[in-house]
């Protein structure tokens, strides 16, 4: 699943009369098909269009800020979002801009995996 599908499905409020699994499936399949179609058309006809995209590198950053903000507004607990933000900043400061993303993703995978098993009682806790 791609980032956009996850963001849409995570913030989507499915009406009670619809099956959530079907809704999530159709959102994801539509997103995937439109991505493949867009990439295919771009590959075929992209050389015909001459665009100056210099200065548009802020778009992805803006997209992720908007998605992050929307998810913050729609969840009950913001703990995971702030853990992600904190790990990103720490990784950026410690590792630099070239490798921080990979380090951040690995740290978050480790933290959330441990947290998941801890909550499920699969990690030995003395409490």
Protein backbone atom coordinates (compact mmCIF):
# COMPACT_ATOMS: atom_id res chain seq x y z
CA UNK A 1 0.00 0.00 0.00
CA UNK A 2 1.34 3.44 -0.83
CA UNK A 3 1.43 6.50 1.43
CA UNK A 4 -1.63 8.08 -0.11
CA UNK A 5 -3.76 4.96 0.32
CA UNK A 6 -2.71 4.63 3.93
CA UNK A 7 -3.45 8.28 4.64
CA UNK A 8 -6.86 8.09 3.01
CA UNK A 9 -7.81 4.85 4.74
CA UNK A 10 -6.49 6.02 8.12
CA UNK A 11 -8.57 9.20 8.10
CA UNK A 12 -11.64 7.86 6.28
CA UNK A 13 -14.88 7.74 8.23
CA UNK A 14 -16.74 4.80 6.70
CA UNK A 15 -20.54 5.03 6.99
CA UNK A 16 -22.11 2.38 9.20
CA UNK A 17 -24.06 0.81 6.32
CA UNK A 18 -20.86 0.02 4.36
CA UNK A 19 -18.36 -2.77 4.94
CA UNK A 20 -15.05 -1.19 5.97
CA UNK A 21 -12.96 -3.90 4.31
CA UNK A 22 -14.62 -3.31 0.94
CA UNK A 23 -14.29 0.46 1.25
CA UNK A 24 -10.58 0.21 2.13
CA UNK A 25 -10.04 -2.27 -0.69
CA UNK A 26 -11.72 -0.08 -3.30
CA UNK A 27 -9.93 3.07 -2.13
CA UNK A 28 -6.61 1.25 -2.34
CA UNK A 29 -7.26 -0.40 -5.71
CA UNK A 30 -8.50 2.89 -7.22
CA UNK A 31 -5.45 4.70 -5.88
CA UNK A 32 -3.13 2.01 -7.20
CA UNK A 33 -4.74 1.92 -10.64
CA UNK A 34 -4.70 5.69 -10.98
CA UNK A 35 -1.03 5.73 -9.94
CA UNK A 36 -0.12 3.04 -12.50
CA UNK A 37 -2.15 4.77 -15.22
CA UNK A 38 -0.61 8.15 -14.44
CA UNK A 39 2.91 6.74 -14.36
CA UNK A 40 2.31 4.87 -17.61
CA UNK A 41 0.92 7.92 -19.39
CA UNK A 42 3.76 10.01 -18.02
CA UNK A 43 6.27 7.50 -19.34
CA UNK A 44 4.65 7.45 -22.78
CA UNK A 45 3.88 11.13 -23.23
CA UNK A 46 6.11 12.86 -20.68
CA UNK A 47 8.72 13.82 -23.26
CA UNK A 48 6.08 15.69 -25.26
CA UNK A 49 5.45 18.17 -22.44
CA UNK A 50 8.15 20.66 -21.54
CA UNK A 51 7.65 21.92 -17.98
CA UNK A 52 9.98 23.93 -15.83
CA UNK A 53 9.58 22.32 -12.41
CA UNK A 54 12.44 24.21 -10.80
CA UNK A 55 11.37 25.44 -7.38
CA UNK A 56 8.62 22.86 -6.89
CA UNK A 57 10.62 20.70 -4.49
CA UNK A 58 8.51 22.02 -1.60
CA UNK A 59 5.42 20.17 -2.89
CA UNK A 60 6.21 16.80 -1.29
CA UNK A 61 7.09 18.46 2.00
CA UNK A 62 3.83 20.39 1.92
CA UNK A 63 1.89 17.21 1.07
CA UNK A 64 3.32 15.34 4.04
CA UNK A 65 2.68 18.28 6.38
CA UNK A 66 -0.97 18.36 5.29
CA UNK A 67 -1.33 14.58 5.64
CA UNK A 68 0.33 14.68 9.07
CA UNK A 69 -1.96 17.49 10.20
CA UNK A 70 -5.09 15.70 8.97
CA UNK A 71 -4.10 12.51 10.76
CA UNK A 72 -3.44 14.45 13.97
CA UNK A 73 -6.95 15.88 13.81
CA UNK A 74 -8.61 12.51 13.24
CA UNK A 75 -7.00 10.21 15.83
CA UNK A 76 -7.72 9.88 19.53
CA UNK A 77 -4.11 9.43 20.61
CA UNK A 78 -1.36 11.55 19.11
CA UNK A 79 1.42 9.64 20.84
CA UNK A 80 2.59 7.73 17.73
CA UNK A 81 2.65 10.87 15.60
CA UNK A 82 4.82 12.68 18.11
CA UNK A 83 7.13 9.66 18.45
CA UNK A 84 7.55 9.73 14.67
CA UNK A 85 8.21 13.46 14.66
CA UNK A 86 10.71 13.19 17.51
CA UNK A 87 12.59 10.29 15.88
CA UNK A 88 12.72 12.21 12.61
CA UNK A 89 14.25 15.28 14.24
CA UNK A 90 16.73 13.21 16.27
CA UNK A 91 17.76 11.20 13.19
CA UNK A 92 18.17 14.36 11.12
CA UNK A 93 20.38 15.99 13.76
CA UNK A 94 22.46 12.86 14.47
CA UNK A 95 22.74 11.32 10.99
CA UNK A 96 22.39 14.30 8.65
CA UNK A 97 20.11 14.82 5.66
CA UNK A 98 21.58 12.01 3.54
CA UNK A 99 20.64 9.04 5.74
CA UNK A 100 18.12 10.31 8.28
CA UNK A 101 15.07 8.93 6.48
CA UNK A 102 16.34 5.34 6.45
CA UNK A 103 17.45 5.58 10.09
CA UNK A 104 14.10 7.11 11.09
CA UNK A 105 12.12 4.35 9.37
CA UNK A 106 14.22 1.62 10.99
CA UNK A 107 13.89 3.23 14.43
CA UNK A 108 10.13 3.60 14.05
CA UNK A 109 9.80 0.01 12.87
CA UNK A 110 11.72 -1.15 15.93
CA UNK A 111 9.84 1.11 18.37
CA UNK A 112 6.37 0.29 17.06
CA UNK A 113 7.11 -3.45 16.81
CA UNK A 114 8.27 -3.55 20.42
CA UNK A 115 5.28 -1.44 21.46
CA UNK A 116 2.87 -3.75 19.63
CA UNK A 117 4.24 -6.90 21.27
CA UNK A 118 4.44 -5.15 24.65
CA UNK A 119 0.75 -4.25 24.49
CA UNK A 120 -0.15 -7.77 23.41
CA UNK A 121 1.68 -9.15 26.42
CA UNK A 122 4.20 -11.03 24.33
CA UNK A 123 7.18 -9.23 25.85
CA UNK A 124 8.14 -10.19 29.37
CA UNK A 125 7.02 -7.32 31.57
CA UNK A 126 7.06 -7.49 35.34
CA UNK A 127 3.87 -5.45 35.88
